[in-house]
Amino acid sequence: MGSMSGGVDLERRYTLADLDGLPEDGRRFELADGWLLVSPMARRRHQIGCIGLGDALRPACPPELYVFPLPVNVDDPDATHFEPDLTVVRREFALVENGDLPLLAVEVRSPSTAGRDAVLKRRAYARLGIASYWLLDVDTPSLRILELDGADYVERAYAVGDAPVSVRLPFPVTLVPADLMAL
């Protein structure tokens, strides 16, 4: 029998349909090729970073795009389901579940998910064709900007603290990591 954690069998392969039967207990359930990834509820710093980044992106966002400062579903029809912390999508698909892939996926670094975000999700988002992938570290305010180049991401910029970083995708904007954490 598989290893159980809160009614979840961590050693069996899951499908997208299986996610509907999992408990709604504040944890985030994601799938990577059928393997269940369970994350604890987001810390307050994590939430502040998501809100700060969303607030910084919204004024620069062109009308044809939409900023989601909360997790949305990014699914591959077989057995992959991720919920990036922030996304930018085409406005025409803003109300359509899984209608389109995000143009930008952002993961906020948490101690429990840092390796997963840097390796596993990076590979999966590249395979899905998401053009921009950012990693926001809220403990040491920093922002790593990755853009898809062929089959993998290339780091285009990295900024720490009060250093500004300018990006062009999915739209032009300049961000300061420390400002994203301001209350």
Protein backbone atom coordinates (compact mmCIF):
# COMPACT_ATOMS: atom_id res chain seq x y z
CA MET A 1 0.00 0.00 0.00
CA GLY A 2 1.22 3.55 -0.80
CA SER A 3 2.28 6.17 1.69
CA MET A 4 -0.73 8.10 2.96
CA SER A 5 -0.76 11.75 4.03
CA GLY A 6 -4.07 13.29 5.06
CA GLY A 7 -6.07 10.82 2.95
CA VAL A 8 -3.77 11.21 -0.07
CA ASP A 9 -1.78 8.27 -1.46
CA LEU A 10 1.60 9.78 -2.34
CA GLU A 11 2.90 6.70 -4.14
CA ARG A 12 0.26 6.17 -6.82
CA ARG A 13 -0.16 7.88 -10.18
CA TYR A 14 -3.03 10.40 -10.42
CA THR A 15 -5.05 11.82 -13.31
CA LEU A 16 -6.68 15.21 -13.71
CA ALA A 17 -10.04 13.59 -12.85
CA ASP A 18 -8.62 12.37 -9.52
CA LEU A 19 -7.98 15.94 -8.39
CA ASP A 20 -11.72 16.54 -7.95
CA GLY A 21 -11.81 13.95 -5.14
CA LEU A 22 -8.96 15.42 -3.09
CA PRO A 23 -9.75 17.33 0.11
CA GLU A 24 -10.19 21.10 0.00
CA ASP A 25 -8.05 21.79 3.05
CA GLY A 26 -5.89 24.75 2.01
CA ARG A 27 -3.11 22.65 0.51
CA ARG A 28 -2.31 22.97 -3.20
CA PHE A 29 -2.48 19.76 -5.22
CA GLU A 30 -0.62 19.68 -8.53
CA LEU A 31 0.34 16.88 -10.91
CA ALA A 32 3.59 16.28 -12.76
CA ASP A 33 3.13 13.43 -15.22
CA GLY A 34 0.72 11.75 -12.82
CA TRP A 35 2.78 12.25 -9.66
CA LEU A 36 0.95 14.19 -6.99
CA LEU A 37 2.71 17.30 -5.67
CA VAL A 38 1.31 18.61 -2.39
CA SER A 39 2.21 22.09 -1.13
CA PRO A 40 1.23 23.67 2.17
CA MET A 41 -0.94 26.77 2.33
CA ALA A 42 0.97 29.84 1.11
CA ARG A 43 2.79 31.89 3.72
CA ARG A 44 1.88 35.55 4.19
CA ARG A 45 5.14 36.73 2.56
CA HIS A 46 4.22 34.58 -0.43
CA GLN A 47 0.80 36.23 -0.67
CA ILE A 48 2.28 39.73 -0.26
CA GLY A 49 4.69 39.00 -3.13
CA CYS A 50 1.86 37.83 -5.41
CA ILE A 51 -0.26 40.87 -4.61
CA GLY A 52 2.71 43.24 -4.99
CA LEU A 53 3.69 41.78 -8.35
CA GLY A 54 0.09 41.82 -9.57
CA ASP A 55 -0.29 45.45 -8.47
CA ALA A 56 2.93 46.37 -10.30
CA LEU A 57 1.96 44.56 -13.52
CA ARG A 58 -1.67 45.67 -13.84
CA PRO A 59 -1.02 49.35 -14.77
CA ALA A 60 1.46 48.34 -17.52
CA CYS A 61 -0.70 45.50 -18.86
CA PRO A 62 -2.11 46.21 -22.33
CA PRO A 63 -5.89 45.87 -22.75
CA GLU A 64 -5.63 42.63 -24.75
CA LEU A 65 -4.00 40.85 -21.79
CA TYR A 66 -5.09 40.08 -18.23
CA VAL A 67 -3.05 39.65 -15.03
CA PHE A 68 -4.17 36.91 -12.61
CA PRO A 69 -2.45 37.52 -9.24
CA LEU A 70 -3.86 34.22 -7.95
CA PRO A 71 -3.31 30.63 -9.04
CA VAL A 72 -5.08 29.45 -12.19
CA ASN A 73 -5.06 26.01 -13.79
CA VAL A 74 -2.41 25.16 -16.35
CA ASP A 75 -3.13 21.65 -17.57
CA ASP A 76 -1.67 19.22 -20.03
CA PRO A 77 -4.53 16.88 -20.97
CA ASP A 78 -2.87 13.71 -19.79
CA ALA A 79 -1.58 13.96 -16.24
CA THR A 80 -0.04 17.37 -15.61
CA HIS A 81 -1.76 20.10 -13.61
CA PHE A 82 0.03 23.15 -12.27
CA GLU A 83 -1.23 26.27 -10.53
CA PRO A 84 1.32 29.06 -11.04
CA ASP A 85 1.13 31.78 -8.39
CA LEU A 86 0.56 34.53 -10.98
CA THR A 87 -0.12 34.42 -14.71
CA VAL A 88 -0.72 36.73 -17.65
CA VAL A 89 -3.20 35.46 -20.23
CA ARG A 90 -4.90 36.77 -23.34
CA ARG A 91 -8.00 38.68 -22.18
CA GLU A 92 -10.25 36.69 -24.53
CA PHE A 93 -9.41 33.58 -22.50
CA ALA A 94 -9.57 35.14 -19.02
CA LEU A 95 -12.92 33.47 -18.24
CA VAL A 96 -12.22 30.20 -20.06
CA GLU A 97 -10.78 27.41 -17.89
CA ASN A 98 -7.75 26.01 -19.72
CA GLY A 99 -8.72 27.95 -22.86
CA ASP A 100 -5.18 29.03 -23.56
CA LEU A 101 -1.71 28.76 -22.08
CA PRO A 102 -0.47 31.74 -20.10
CA LEU A 103 2.01 34.07 -21.78
CA LEU A 104 3.71 34.41 -18.38
CA ALA A 105 3.81 32.03 -15.42
CA VAL A 106 5.30 33.20 -12.12
CA GLU A 107 6.20 31.00 -9.19
CA VAL A 108 6.92 32.53 -5.80
CA ARG A 109 9.79 30.76 -4.09
CA SER A 110 8.82 28.92 -0.94
CA PRO A 111 11.15 26.74 1.12
CA SER A 112 8.97 23.70 0.35
CA THR A 113 8.78 24.26 -3.42
CA ALA A 114 12.03 26.01 -4.46
CA GLY A 115 13.61 22.98 -6.16
CA ARG A 116 10.35 21.95 -7.79
CA ASP A 117 9.87 25.45 -9.25
CA ALA A 118 13.47 25.78 -10.45
CA VAL A 119 13.69 22.39 -12.15
CA LEU A 120 10.42 20.46 -12.56
CA LYS A 121 8.08 23.32 -13.37
CA ARG A 122 10.70 25.05 -15.49
CA ARG A 123 10.95 21.94 -17.66
CA ALA A 124 7.17 21.44 -17.83
CA TYR A 125 6.38 25.08 -18.64
CA ALA A 126 9.01 25.03 -21.41
CA ARG A 127 7.51 21.81 -22.81
CA LEU A 128 4.06 23.42 -22.79
CA GLY A 129 5.43 26.48 -24.62
CA ILE A 130 4.85 29.20 -21.99
CA ALA A 131 6.94 32.09 -23.36
CA SER A 132 7.97 33.69 -20.05
CA TYR A 133 8.67 32.15 -16.67
CA TRP A 134 9.61 34.23 -13.65
CA LEU A 135 10.80 33.16 -10.21
CA LEU A 136 10.12 35.60 -7.38
CA ASP A 137 11.98 35.12 -4.11
CA VAL A 138 10.15 36.94 -1.33
CA ASP A 139 12.64 36.16 1.47
CA THR A 140 15.55 37.83 -0.30
CA PRO A 141 13.53 40.01 -2.66
CA SER A 142 14.71 39.04 -6.12
CA LEU A 143 13.24 38.34 -9.51
CA ARG A 144 14.65 35.93 -12.09
CA ILE A 145 13.34 36.47 -15.65
CA LEU A 146 13.40 33.46 -17.99
CA GLU A 147 12.24 33.46 -21.62
CA LEU A 148 11.65 30.47 -23.84
CA ASP A 149 14.35 30.02 -26.48
CA GLY A 150 13.72 26.85 -28.44
CA ALA A 151 12.97 24.00 -26.05
CA ASP A 152 14.34 25.59 -22.86
CA TYR A 153 14.38 28.84 -20.93
CA VAL A 154 17.23 31.32 -21.05
CA GLU A 155 17.78 33.72 -18.17
CA ARG A 156 17.29 37.24 -19.54
CA ALA A 157 17.58 39.19 -16.30
CA TYR A 158 18.02 38.89 -12.56
CA ALA A 159 17.52 41.65 -10.00
CA VAL A 160 17.90 41.74 -6.22
CA GLY A 161 16.56 44.23 -3.68
CA ASP A 162 16.40 47.82 -4.95
CA ALA A 163 17.88 47.02 -8.38
CA PRO A 164 15.34 47.58 -11.16
CA VAL A 165 14.75 44.99 -13.85
CA SER A 166 13.15 45.83 -17.20
CA VAL A 167 11.37 43.18 -19.22
CA ARG A 168 9.75 43.18 -22.65
CA LEU A 169 7.64 40.02 -22.40
CA PRO A 170 4.75 39.57 -22.03
CA PHE A 171 4.73 43.39 -22.14
CA PRO A 172 7.25 46.10 -21.30
CA VAL A 173 7.52 46.91 -17.59
CA THR A 174 10.21 47.81 -15.07
CA LEU A 175 10.05 46.18 -11.63
CA VAL A 176 12.00 46.56 -8.39
CA PRO A 177 11.95 43.34 -6.30
CA ALA A 178 12.04 45.14 -2.92
CA ASP A 179 9.04 47.26 -3.94
CA LEU A 180 7.00 44.12 -4.57
CA MET A 181 7.24 43.30 -0.86
CA ALA A 182 6.28 46.78 0.39
CA LEU A 183 3.23 46.88 2.65
